[in-house]
Amino acid sequence: MNKKLAFVLILCLVGTLFIPATSAPVKSILISPSGSAQSLKTTVPDSPGASDEDHGRVASFRATLEENGFMITSGQMTPIDPIVDLLDSGIGDSANGNNAGQPYKVLMVPISPFGEELPFEGGFTIFRLRPDEAVVYLGPTPPACDYFSFTVFLWVRHKDSLIPKGDWMVAAVNDPLNSALIKTQGNGTPFRKQTIVIFTADRGVYERVSELAQEAGYPESMINPYVIPSGLLNLGVYPETRLADSFIILMRTANFVSKAEGNHYLSDDHYARVWRVTPEEAVTLDPFPTPEQRVRRWKSESELYPDLNDGLERLENAIIAQTPHVQYESYESIRWFAESREVLEETDPGSPLYHKFVAGEASDTPYLRTSLSGEAANFTLGNDDMVVVYGVNHAATGLATYSNFGVYGDWVTSSCEENPWQYVFGCGDRSWNGVVSMTNHDFTGSAEEYIPGDPMAPYLYAVKVLRQPPNDKHDKYFVVVPAATSEHPCASPGYCLNLTDPIIIGYRAYLNPATASGADYEDIIHDRAIWFRTRE
């Protein structure tokens, strides 16, 4: 049976059958990358994990929680590939603008003792949360890298949804807790340090769990609140609250210093403990107020480097002059996604922001994409075509810890009008599958190839995007976009962009060190690209 059809049948069955509440926990269903359903137990062993340093404190903390009226169920962590696990599996209709080359993990949160999981929601990966519950991350942070963060995303909104199966939004419920802000045990860098993150909507629950952690020997200086703003959300678990929002907790990482340490972190499902903490008896709710968003505005690159815009023009002219071509088109860039907070605050069904799919937008980076005359635009990349991506190296100017660009597909695979049930999650969304990318670690110095000796060249970059490597064997500033051909086979279809597929370039600039947040859109000079037809 076709995988997508199988999921449609599951959805239809779930939508038409009444599932009664049960007193005993039910098994969860985790959708594997192959699209097959795997049964998982409601709890997993509380494995010590290779990276945990103090097993005594862990045992004491858990025992103290249970002695003080909390039920603890254990989850774990797992890598997730947005292309394989969503787009190629037939579960989702988009890869969420995945940052190609940068890995993701999710916290697998077990089912609430008071709830059940709908099979198609993916078991531990997608969860719902009562207003008085918490999720606790306990263990080491990722190994040394340019950046890591924890972010809770609203996955699907069921209440007042535009389509019956629920609106796929993937909107950040709050600013990320990132490597520049996280509290850890010990001094120095935040990497591979013990930490506790308490994800909850309730101030009283946070304070009680934090107090009990300190009783078990954890210093307050390593305990982090992650506020889930109940005022913007529909909290609850199924079937108590049938139209409750569903969530995921995503861990982003980028550019590990040690590949071996990075691989260990990614492959270890018990690298840290993940607990669902549920009060045995009802508590008086004391919800956190909705947090103010972080201030991202700082200083503009134009202000810091007055000649930078002119230097960018000199680079553009040099690229055009030095690239043999019969035709070219210059692309600018505009904001890619709406802001998650604006989407969560919108209550007017007639607004374009209402329940809008924002593909994992969060405030630790600006997101830009190719445009023409201020409108979103794409292009195709044939065998005789080339794109030169160029712009400001935001890491070199100091507005980013690291910056990059990526090449994405930009087509719609399922229409909400024609086939809203083709995918379990989403319809009418764009593919946005990132297949190749390059970071400032690799493109620093590339502008010198075009404008050697220019005083602004160290702050600029220029990289070729092609279907095959350039003829010049000394050219190192290029990326190859694979197509599904005998020359460029793809093990995973979503990792190919065929010769006629619409393509865009997406740009990111993670974590301004001065603000510990993403650079403001007004502070950066937007990246650009030039499409060339090299032969008739």
Protein backbone atom coordinates (compact mmCIF):
# COMPACT_ATOMS: atom_id res chain seq x y z
CA MET A 1 0.00 0.00 0.00
CA ASN A 2 1.22 3.52 -0.76
CA LYS A 3 2.60 5.12 2.42
CA LYS A 4 0.67 8.32 2.03
CA LEU A 5 -2.56 6.42 1.42
CA ALA A 6 -1.94 4.35 4.55
CA PHE A 7 -1.64 7.51 6.62
CA VAL A 8 -4.79 8.91 5.07
CA LEU A 9 -6.66 5.76 6.14
CA ILE A 10 -5.32 6.13 9.68
CA LEU A 11 -6.48 9.72 9.76
CA CYS A 12 -9.92 8.84 8.49
CA LEU A 13 -10.29 6.09 11.08
CA VAL A 14 -9.13 8.32 13.91
CA GLY A 15 -11.40 11.10 12.74
CA THR A 16 -14.52 8.92 12.66
CA LEU A 17 -14.07 6.60 15.64
CA PHE A 18 -14.62 7.62 19.24
CA ILE A 19 -11.63 6.58 21.32
CA PRO A 20 -12.73 6.21 24.95
CA ALA A 21 -10.56 7.30 27.84
CA THR A 22 -8.78 4.48 29.64
CA SER A 23 -7.29 4.36 33.08
CA ALA A 24 -4.18 2.52 31.90
CA PRO A 25 -1.57 4.12 29.64
CA VAL A 26 -1.72 3.05 26.02
CA LYS A 27 1.20 2.26 23.81
CA SER A 28 2.59 5.00 21.59
CA ILE A 29 3.25 4.72 17.90
CA LEU A 30 6.49 6.11 16.53
CA ILE A 31 6.62 6.55 12.77
CA SER A 32 9.92 5.26 11.50
CA PRO A 33 11.76 6.95 8.59
CA SER A 34 10.53 4.15 6.36
CA GLY A 35 6.95 5.09 7.17
CA SER A 36 6.20 1.95 9.17
CA ALA A 37 4.59 2.18 12.58
CA GLN A 38 6.57 0.89 15.56
CA SER A 39 5.03 0.22 18.97
CA LEU A 40 6.85 1.79 21.89
CA LYS A 41 6.31 1.35 25.59
CA THR A 42 4.99 4.30 27.52
CA THR A 43 8.26 4.57 29.43
CA VAL A 44 11.83 3.78 28.53
CA PRO A 45 14.55 2.62 30.93
CA ASP A 46 16.09 5.44 32.92
CA SER A 47 19.47 4.74 31.42
CA PRO A 48 22.43 6.35 33.16
CA GLY A 49 23.84 7.49 29.83
CA ALA A 50 27.53 7.70 29.00
CA SER A 51 27.75 11.41 29.74
CA ASP A 52 26.04 11.63 33.16
CA GLU A 53 28.53 12.54 35.88
CA ASP A 54 26.59 12.16 39.13
CA HIS A 55 24.21 9.19 39.25
CA GLY A 56 23.58 9.72 42.97
CA ARG A 57 22.11 13.17 42.44
CA VAL A 58 19.91 11.88 39.64
CA ALA A 59 18.49 9.09 41.78
CA SER A 60 18.01 11.46 44.70
CA PHE A 61 16.26 14.05 42.53
CA ARG A 62 13.85 11.51 41.07
CA ALA A 63 13.10 10.00 44.48
CA THR A 64 12.55 13.43 45.98
CA LEU A 65 10.11 14.36 43.21
CA GLU A 66 8.16 11.15 43.69
CA GLU A 67 8.11 11.55 47.47
CA ASN A 68 6.64 15.02 47.03
CA GLY A 69 3.67 14.05 44.90
CA PHE A 70 5.04 13.98 41.34
CA MET A 71 4.81 11.10 38.90
CA ILE A 72 7.91 10.68 36.73
CA THR A 73 7.92 8.96 33.33
CA SER A 74 11.14 8.69 31.35
CA GLY A 75 11.73 9.58 27.75
CA GLN A 76 14.89 9.97 25.72
CA MET A 77 16.40 11.88 22.80
CA THR A 78 16.63 10.98 19.15
CA PRO A 79 18.07 12.53 15.98
CA ILE A 80 15.56 13.74 13.41
CA ASP A 81 16.10 14.39 9.72
CA PRO A 82 13.39 16.74 8.39
CA ILE A 83 13.83 15.47 4.83
CA VAL A 84 13.79 11.74 5.52
CA ASP A 85 11.44 11.71 8.51
CA LEU A 86 8.89 14.18 7.14
CA LEU A 87 9.07 14.86 3.43
CA ASP A 88 10.30 11.52 2.09
CA SER A 89 8.32 9.44 4.57
CA GLY A 90 5.03 10.91 3.38
CA ILE A 91 4.16 12.15 6.87
CA GLY A 92 4.63 15.86 6.13
CA ASP A 93 4.50 17.97 3.02
CA SER A 94 7.58 20.07 3.84
CA ALA A 95 11.07 19.64 5.25
CA ASN A 96 10.55 22.82 7.29
CA GLY A 97 13.43 24.70 5.67
CA ASN A 98 15.97 22.34 7.27
CA ASN A 99 19.44 23.79 7.73
CA ALA A 100 21.38 21.44 5.46
CA GLY A 101 24.43 19.93 7.11
CA GLN A 102 23.36 20.90 10.63
CA PRO A 103 21.86 18.11 12.76
CA TYR A 104 18.76 18.11 14.94
CA LYS A 105 17.61 16.07 17.92
CA VAL A 106 14.20 16.00 19.58
CA LEU A 107 13.25 15.21 23.14
CA MET A 108 10.97 12.17 23.11
CA VAL A 109 8.43 13.08 25.78
CA PRO A 110 6.35 10.17 27.09
CA ILE A 111 2.56 10.24 27.33
CA SER A 112 0.98 11.90 30.34
CA PRO A 113 -0.36 9.43 32.95
CA PHE A 114 -3.70 11.18 32.40
CA GLY A 115 -3.64 11.03 28.61
CA GLU A 116 -3.56 8.94 25.48
CA GLU A 117 -1.65 9.48 22.25
CA LEU A 118 -3.28 9.55 18.85
CA PRO A 119 -1.30 7.08 16.71
CA PHE A 120 -0.53 9.42 13.83
CA GLU A 121 1.01 12.05 16.14
CA GLY A 122 4.27 10.15 16.24
CA GLY A 123 4.46 8.76 19.75
CA PHE A 124 7.10 10.28 21.98
CA THR A 125 8.30 12.84 19.45
CA ILE A 126 5.06 14.84 19.37
CA PHE A 127 3.38 15.46 22.71
CA ARG A 128 0.66 17.43 24.46
CA LEU A 129 1.03 19.02 27.88
CA ARG A 130 -1.30 19.79 30.76
CA PRO A 131 -1.03 23.25 32.33
CA ASP A 132 0.43 21.75 35.53
CA GLU A 133 2.98 19.41 33.95
CA ALA A 134 6.66 19.90 33.19
CA VAL A 135 9.27 18.31 30.97
CA VAL A 136 12.75 18.15 32.49
CA TYR A 137 16.04 17.85 30.60
CA LEU A 138 18.76 16.66 32.99
CA GLY A 139 22.31 16.02 31.86
CA PRO A 140 25.12 17.46 29.77
CA THR A 141 24.81 20.08 27.07
CA PRO A 142 26.08 19.22 23.56
CA PRO A 143 29.81 19.12 22.85
CA ALA A 144 31.73 22.16 21.63
CA CYS A 145 30.16 23.74 18.57
CA ASP A 146 29.26 27.15 17.20
CA TYR A 147 25.74 27.03 18.58
CA PHE A 148 23.11 24.93 20.30
CA SER A 149 19.61 25.63 21.56
CA PHE A 150 16.41 24.17 22.99
CA THR A 151 13.13 25.38 21.47
CA VAL A 152 9.54 24.30 22.06
CA PHE A 153 7.45 24.46 18.89
CA LEU A 154 3.69 24.38 18.52
CA TRP A 155 3.43 21.52 16.03
CA VAL A 156 -0.28 21.33 15.19
CA ARG A 157 -3.14 23.56 16.34
CA HIS A 158 -6.45 21.72 16.55
CA LYS A 159 -8.69 24.35 18.12
CA ASP A 160 -10.50 26.53 15.55
CA SER A 161 -8.33 25.01 12.83
CA LEU A 162 -8.72 25.93 9.18
CA ILE A 163 -8.62 22.28 8.09
CA PRO A 164 -10.20 19.35 9.97
CA LYS A 165 -6.98 17.46 10.71
CA GLY A 166 -5.43 20.53 12.38
CA ASP A 167 -3.20 23.32 11.18
CA TRP A 168 0.51 22.50 10.93
CA MET A 169 2.31 25.60 12.23
CA VAL A 170 5.75 24.65 13.69
CA ALA A 171 5.87 27.99 15.51
CA ALA A 172 8.27 28.68 18.38
CA VAL A 173 6.26 29.23 21.57
CA ASN A 174 9.10 31.26 23.11
CA ASP A 175 12.64 32.41 22.35
CA PRO A 176 15.18 29.57 22.21
CA LEU A 177 17.29 28.76 25.24
CA ASN A 178 20.66 28.90 23.52
CA SER A 179 24.34 28.31 24.20
CA ALA A 180 24.91 31.98 25.01
CA LEU A 181 22.24 32.09 27.70
CA ILE A 182 21.97 28.63 29.24
CA LYS A 183 23.01 28.18 32.87
CA THR A 184 25.30 25.21 33.47
CA GLN A 185 27.37 23.77 36.29
CA GLY A 186 30.94 24.98 36.35
CA ASN A 187 32.78 27.86 34.76
CA GLY A 188 34.02 28.39 31.24
CA THR A 189 32.24 27.43 28.06
CA PRO A 190 28.67 26.05 28.11
CA PHE A 191 29.59 22.86 26.26
CA ARG A 192 29.44 19.36 27.79
CA LYS A 193 28.35 20.85 31.08
CA GLN A 194 25.63 19.52 33.36
CA THR A 195 22.38 21.47 33.20
CA ILE A 196 18.71 21.24 34.07
CA VAL A 197 16.02 22.75 31.84
CA ILE A 198 12.45 22.78 33.16
CA PHE A 199 9.86 23.30 30.42
CA THR A 200 6.54 24.28 31.97
CA ALA A 201 3.67 26.77 31.78
CA ASP A 202 3.23 27.01 35.55
CA ARG A 203 5.37 29.16 37.82
CA GLY A 204 4.45 27.17 40.92
CA VAL A 205 5.40 23.86 39.30
CA TYR A 206 8.71 25.33 38.13
CA GLU A 207 9.54 26.67 41.57
CA ARG A 208 8.67 23.37 43.27
CA VAL A 209 10.65 21.22 40.81
CA SER A 210 13.58 23.64 41.05
CA GLU A 211 13.50 23.52 44.86
CA LEU A 212 13.49 19.74 44.86
CA ALA A 213 16.41 19.68 42.42
CA GLN A 214 18.37 21.87 44.81
CA GLU A 215 17.47 19.56 47.71
CA ALA A 216 19.00 16.74 45.66
CA GLY A 217 22.26 18.66 45.32
CA TYR A 218 21.89 20.65 42.10
CA PRO A 219 22.87 24.32 42.44
CA GLU A 220 20.32 26.92 41.39
CA SER A 221 22.98 28.35 39.07
CA MET A 222 22.53 25.41 36.65
CA ILE A 223 18.71 25.33 36.59
CA ASN A 224 16.92 26.97 33.65
CA PRO A 225 13.22 27.77 33.25
CA TYR A 226 11.76 27.48 29.76
CA VAL A 227 8.42 29.26 29.92
CA ILE A 228 5.63 27.74 27.86
CA PRO A 229 3.21 30.69 27.59
CA SER A 230 -0.24 29.27 28.34
CA GLY A 231 -1.85 32.59 27.39
CA LEU A 232 -0.90 31.95 23.75
CA LEU A 233 -1.60 28.21 23.72
CA ASN A 234 -4.27 25.56 24.20
CA LEU A 235 -2.80 23.24 26.81
CA GLY A 236 -4.12 19.83 27.81
CA VAL A 237 -3.82 16.15 26.94
CA TYR A 238 -5.99 13.86 24.87
CA PRO A 239 -8.77 12.87 25.53
CA GLU A 240 -9.30 15.30 28.44
CA THR A 241 -8.73 18.21 26.06
CA ARG A 242 -9.40 16.88 22.59
CA LEU A 243 -8.42 20.09 20.78
CA ALA A 244 -5.22 20.77 22.70
CA ASP A 245 -2.13 21.93 20.82
CA SER A 246 0.60 19.40 20.10
CA PHE A 247 4.29 20.24 20.52
CA ILE A 248 7.85 19.14 19.88
CA ILE A 249 11.04 20.13 21.72
CA LEU A 250 13.86 20.57 19.24
CA MET A 251 17.60 20.76 19.94
CA ARG A 252 19.57 22.55 17.26
CA THR A 253 23.35 22.26 17.00
CA ALA A 254 25.81 23.61 14.45
CA ASN A 255 29.43 23.03 13.45
CA PHE A 256 30.83 20.65 16.05
CA VAL A 257 34.50 21.26 16.81
CA SER A 258 35.09 17.51 17.05
CA LYS A 259 33.26 15.35 14.54
CA ALA A 260 33.72 12.30 16.76
CA GLU A 261 32.17 14.04 19.78
CA GLY A 262 29.36 15.35 17.62
CA ASN A 263 28.60 11.87 16.30
CA HIS A 264 28.59 10.46 19.84
CA TYR A 265 26.13 13.12 20.97
CA LEU A 266 23.84 12.49 18.00
CA SER A 267 23.89 8.70 18.26
CA ASP A 268 23.36 8.48 22.04
CA ASP A 269 19.61 8.41 22.74
CA HIS A 270 20.39 8.56 26.48
CA TYR A 271 22.93 11.37 26.32
CA ALA A 272 20.74 13.14 28.89
CA ARG A 273 17.60 12.24 30.82
CA VAL A 274 14.19 13.41 29.69
CA TRP A 275 11.43 13.25 32.31
CA ARG A 276 7.78 14.09 32.17
CA VAL A 277 6.82 15.42 35.61
CA THR A 278 3.11 15.24 36.50
CA PRO A 279 1.49 16.16 39.84
CA GLU A 280 -0.40 13.22 41.30
CA GLU A 281 -3.15 15.55 42.47
CA ALA A 282 -4.53 18.75 41.03
CA VAL A 283 -2.60 21.88 41.95
CA THR A 284 -3.69 25.50 42.05
CA LEU A 285 -2.45 26.90 38.75
CA ASP A 286 -0.08 29.85 38.76
CA PRO A 287 0.71 30.33 35.07
CA PHE A 288 3.72 32.31 33.96
CA PRO A 289 2.85 35.54 32.17
CA THR A 290 3.72 35.58 28.48
CA PRO A 291 7.43 36.56 28.32
CA GLU A 292 8.54 39.63 26.45
CA GLN A 293 10.56 38.81 23.36
CA ARG A 294 14.29 39.40 23.40
CA VAL A 295 15.55 42.65 21.95
CA ARG A 296 17.40 41.86 18.74
CA ARG A 297 18.21 45.36 17.47
CA TRP A 298 21.85 46.36 18.01
CA LYS A 299 24.09 48.11 15.46
CA SER A 300 23.81 47.84 11.71
CA GLU A 301 26.55 46.50 9.49
CA SER A 302 26.28 49.70 7.43
CA GLU A 303 26.99 51.71 10.57
CA LEU A 304 29.89 49.52 11.66
CA TYR A 305 31.46 49.45 8.17
CA PRO A 306 30.44 52.55 6.17
CA ASP A 307 32.06 51.28 2.94
CA LEU A 308 30.41 47.86 3.10
CA ASN A 309 27.50 48.60 0.76
CA ASP A 310 29.85 50.04 -1.84
CA GLY A 311 32.13 47.04 -1.40
CA LEU A 312 29.16 44.77 -2.06
CA GLU A 313 28.45 46.65 -5.29
CA ARG A 314 32.07 46.28 -6.34
CA LEU A 315 31.81 42.55 -5.67
CA GLU A 316 28.61 42.27 -7.71
CA ASN A 317 30.16 44.09 -10.67
CA ALA A 318 33.26 41.88 -10.51
CA ILE A 319 31.19 38.68 -10.43
CA ILE A 320 29.25 39.71 -13.54
CA ALA A 321 32.39 40.87 -15.36
CA GLN A 322 34.38 37.72 -14.56
CA THR A 323 31.67 35.14 -15.26
CA PRO A 324 31.25 34.07 -18.90
CA HIS A 325 27.53 34.02 -19.63
CA VAL A 326 24.83 34.62 -22.23
CA GLN A 327 22.18 35.72 -19.74
CA TYR A 328 21.90 36.66 -16.08
CA GLU A 329 19.32 37.66 -13.45
CA SER A 330 20.11 39.40 -10.15
CA TYR A 331 18.22 38.29 -7.05
CA GLU A 332 17.94 40.11 -3.76
CA SER A 333 16.55 38.60 -0.56
CA ILE A 334 13.59 39.25 1.70
CA ARG A 335 12.31 37.88 4.97
CA TRP A 336 11.43 34.21 4.54
CA PHE A 337 9.07 33.39 7.43
CA ALA A 338 6.60 35.30 9.52
CA GLU A 339 7.51 35.72 13.18
CA SER A 340 6.25 32.90 15.38
CA ARG A 341 5.02 35.25 18.12
CA GLU A 342 2.94 37.26 15.64
CA VAL A 343 1.36 34.05 14.37
CA LEU A 344 0.57 32.81 17.88
CA GLU A 345 -1.00 36.15 18.81
CA GLU A 346 -3.20 36.36 15.70
CA THR A 347 -6.84 35.46 16.40
CA ASP A 348 -8.53 36.76 13.24
CA PRO A 349 -9.23 33.85 10.84
CA GLY A 350 -9.21 36.33 7.97
CA SER A 351 -5.63 37.40 8.63
CA PRO A 352 -2.80 35.89 6.53
CA LEU A 353 -0.96 35.26 9.82
CA TYR A 354 -3.76 33.16 11.33
CA HIS A 355 -2.41 29.65 12.02
CA LYS A 356 0.30 30.28 9.44
CA PHE A 357 2.92 27.60 8.77
CA VAL A 358 6.28 29.12 9.76
CA ALA A 359 8.46 26.00 9.41
CA GLY A 360 10.38 26.25 12.69
CA GLU A 361 11.09 29.99 12.71
CA ALA A 362 12.75 31.12 15.93
CA SER A 363 14.49 34.27 17.08
CA ASP A 364 18.12 33.08 17.11
CA THR A 365 18.61 34.00 13.45
CA PRO A 366 17.09 36.08 10.71
CA TYR A 367 15.75 34.00 7.83
CA LEU A 368 16.12 35.38 4.30
CA ARG A 369 15.27 33.92 0.90
CA THR A 370 15.72 34.91 -2.74
CA SER A 371 13.45 37.57 -4.19
CA LEU A 372 12.87 39.79 -7.21
CA SER A 373 11.55 43.35 -6.85
CA GLY A 374 10.62 42.72 -3.24
CA GLU A 375 8.61 39.54 -3.94
CA ALA A 376 9.55 35.93 -3.21
CA ALA A 377 11.04 34.34 -6.33
CA ASN A 378 12.67 31.10 -7.40
CA PHE A 379 14.65 29.77 -10.36
CA THR A 380 15.69 26.51 -11.98
CA LEU A 381 19.25 25.26 -12.20
CA GLY A 382 20.03 23.41 -15.40
CA ASN A 383 23.30 21.78 -16.37
CA ASP A 384 24.36 24.97 -18.15
CA ASP A 385 23.26 27.27 -15.35
CA MET A 386 25.17 28.63 -12.38
CA VAL A 387 24.24 30.80 -9.43
CA VAL A 388 26.76 32.91 -7.57
CA VAL A 389 25.60 33.51 -4.02
CA TYR A 390 27.27 36.53 -2.46
CA GLY A 391 26.89 39.01 0.31
CA VAL A 392 28.17 40.06 3.70
CA ASN A 393 29.91 37.52 5.90
CA HIS A 394 27.87 38.31 9.02
CA ALA A 395 30.25 36.37 11.24
CA ALA A 396 33.14 38.52 10.02
CA THR A 397 31.27 41.75 10.80
CA GLY A 398 30.53 40.49 14.32
CA LEU A 399 26.74 40.22 13.95
CA ALA A 400 26.69 36.43 14.00
CA THR A 401 28.46 33.55 15.67
CA TYR A 402 28.12 31.74 12.39
CA SER A 403 26.33 32.43 9.11
CA ASN A 404 25.47 30.30 6.12
CA PHE A 405 23.40 29.88 3.00
CA GLY A 406 21.53 26.82 1.75
CA VAL A 407 19.91 25.62 -1.47
CA TYR A 408 16.23 24.60 -1.18
CA GLY A 409 13.40 23.20 -3.23
CA ASP A 410 10.45 25.59 -3.49
CA TRP A 411 7.39 23.77 -4.81
CA VAL A 412 3.98 22.82 -3.40
CA THR A 413 3.30 19.09 -3.35
CA SER A 414 -0.21 18.97 -1.86
CA SER A 415 -3.03 21.47 -2.22
CA CYS A 416 -5.39 22.02 0.70
CA GLU A 417 -8.18 22.54 -1.82
CA GLU A 418 -7.50 19.47 -3.94
CA ASN A 419 -6.01 16.94 -1.52
CA PRO A 420 -5.83 18.11 2.12
CA TRP A 421 -5.45 14.53 3.40
CA GLN A 422 -2.45 13.53 1.31
CA TYR A 423 -0.13 14.08 4.26
CA VAL A 424 -0.59 13.51 7.98
CA PHE A 425 0.80 16.97 8.66
CA GLY A 426 0.39 19.94 6.35
CA CYS A 427 -1.11 20.73 2.98
CA GLY A 428 -0.38 23.60 0.65
CA ASP A 429 3.05 24.14 2.22
CA ARG A 430 6.23 24.42 0.21
CA SER A 431 8.81 21.64 0.17
CA TRP A 432 11.71 23.79 1.43
CA ASN A 433 14.09 20.85 1.51
CA GLY A 434 17.63 22.06 2.07
CA VAL A 435 20.07 19.86 0.16
CA VAL A 436 23.44 21.64 0.33
CA SER A 437 24.87 24.60 2.20
CA MET A 438 28.07 26.40 3.11
CA THR A 439 28.98 28.24 6.31
CA ASN A 440 31.35 31.12 6.99
CA HIS A 441 33.95 28.54 8.09
CA ASP A 442 34.27 27.58 4.42
CA PHE A 443 33.39 30.72 2.47
CA THR A 444 35.56 33.18 4.41
CA GLY A 445 38.10 34.60 1.95
CA SER A 446 36.02 33.82 -1.14
CA ALA A 447 35.41 37.46 -2.11
CA GLU A 448 39.16 37.86 -2.62
CA GLU A 449 38.78 35.70 -5.73
CA TYR A 450 36.80 38.54 -7.34
CA ILE A 451 38.04 41.74 -5.67
CA PRO A 452 41.59 40.97 -4.43
CA GLY A 453 42.97 43.61 -2.13
CA ASP A 454 39.65 45.38 -1.67
CA PRO A 455 39.42 46.64 1.96
CA MET A 456 35.89 45.21 2.25
CA ALA A 457 36.74 41.78 0.80
CA PRO A 458 37.41 40.22 4.26
CA TYR A 459 33.79 41.03 5.19
CA LEU A 460 32.22 39.62 2.02
CA TYR A 461 31.80 36.23 0.37
CA ALA A 462 30.96 34.78 -3.06
CA VAL A 463 30.24 31.10 -3.75
CA LYS A 464 29.22 29.25 -6.94
CA VAL A 465 26.19 26.96 -6.97
CA LEU A 466 26.38 24.43 -9.84
CA ARG A 467 25.36 20.99 -11.05
CA GLN A 468 28.94 19.74 -11.30
CA PRO A 469 32.28 20.96 -9.92
CA PRO A 470 33.92 23.84 -11.82
CA ASN A 471 36.63 23.17 -14.36
CA ASP A 472 39.17 25.07 -12.30
CA LYS A 473 40.57 22.43 -9.95
CA HIS A 474 41.86 25.16 -7.63
CA ASP A 475 38.38 26.62 -7.09
CA LYS A 476 37.20 25.67 -3.59
CA TYR A 477 34.30 28.08 -3.19
CA PHE A 478 31.42 26.12 -4.69
CA VAL A 479 28.61 23.72 -3.84
CA VAL A 480 27.11 21.09 -6.14
CA VAL A 481 23.34 20.61 -6.18
CA PRO A 482 22.53 16.93 -6.78
CA ALA A 483 19.87 15.88 -9.26
CA ALA A 484 18.35 12.41 -9.55
CA THR A 485 20.56 11.31 -12.43
CA SER A 486 23.02 8.49 -12.95
CA GLU A 487 25.81 11.03 -12.31
CA HIS A 488 24.19 12.26 -9.09
CA PRO A 489 22.04 9.50 -7.58
CA CYS A 490 20.13 10.24 -4.39
CA ALA A 491 19.59 7.68 -1.66
CA SER A 492 16.84 9.94 -0.35
CA PRO A 493 14.64 11.66 -2.98
CA GLY A 494 14.30 14.84 -0.95
CA TYR A 495 18.05 15.32 -1.05
CA CYS A 496 17.88 15.86 -4.81
CA LEU A 497 16.69 18.92 -6.70
CA ASN A 498 15.99 18.01 -10.29
CA LEU A 499 16.82 20.16 -13.31
CA THR A 500 13.28 21.54 -13.58
CA ASP A 501 12.57 21.92 -9.86
CA PRO A 502 12.02 25.46 -8.55
CA ILE A 503 14.91 26.41 -6.28
CA ILE A 504 15.65 29.19 -3.81
CA ILE A 505 18.61 30.24 -1.69
CA GLY A 506 17.99 30.63 2.04
CA TYR A 507 20.25 32.59 4.38
CA ARG A 508 20.85 32.48 8.14
CA ALA A 509 23.01 34.40 10.65
CA TYR A 510 22.91 32.70 14.05
CA LEU A 511 23.41 34.45 17.37
CA ASN A 512 24.75 37.97 17.55
CA PRO A 513 27.25 37.72 20.44
CA ALA A 514 26.26 41.19 21.66
CA THR A 515 22.56 40.36 22.09
CA ALA A 516 22.63 36.55 22.53
CA SER A 517 19.88 36.45 19.91
CA GLY A 518 19.59 36.48 16.15
CA ALA A 519 20.66 39.64 14.38
CA ASP A 520 17.80 42.01 13.66
CA TYR A 521 16.64 42.10 10.05
CA GLU A 522 17.39 45.84 9.97
CA ASP A 523 20.93 45.37 11.27
CA ILE A 524 22.21 43.08 8.51
CA ILE A 525 22.82 43.85 4.86
CA HIS A 526 20.75 41.28 3.01
CA ASP A 527 22.45 38.57 0.97
CA ARG A 528 22.12 38.33 -2.81
CA ALA A 529 22.51 35.92 -5.71
CA ILE A 530 23.04 36.11 -9.47
CA TRP A 531 21.67 33.41 -11.80
CA PHE A 532 23.75 32.86 -14.95
CA ARG A 533 23.02 30.93 -18.12
CA THR A 534 26.54 30.01 -19.16
CA ARG A 535 25.81 28.63 -22.65
CA GLU A 536 23.10 28.76 -25.29
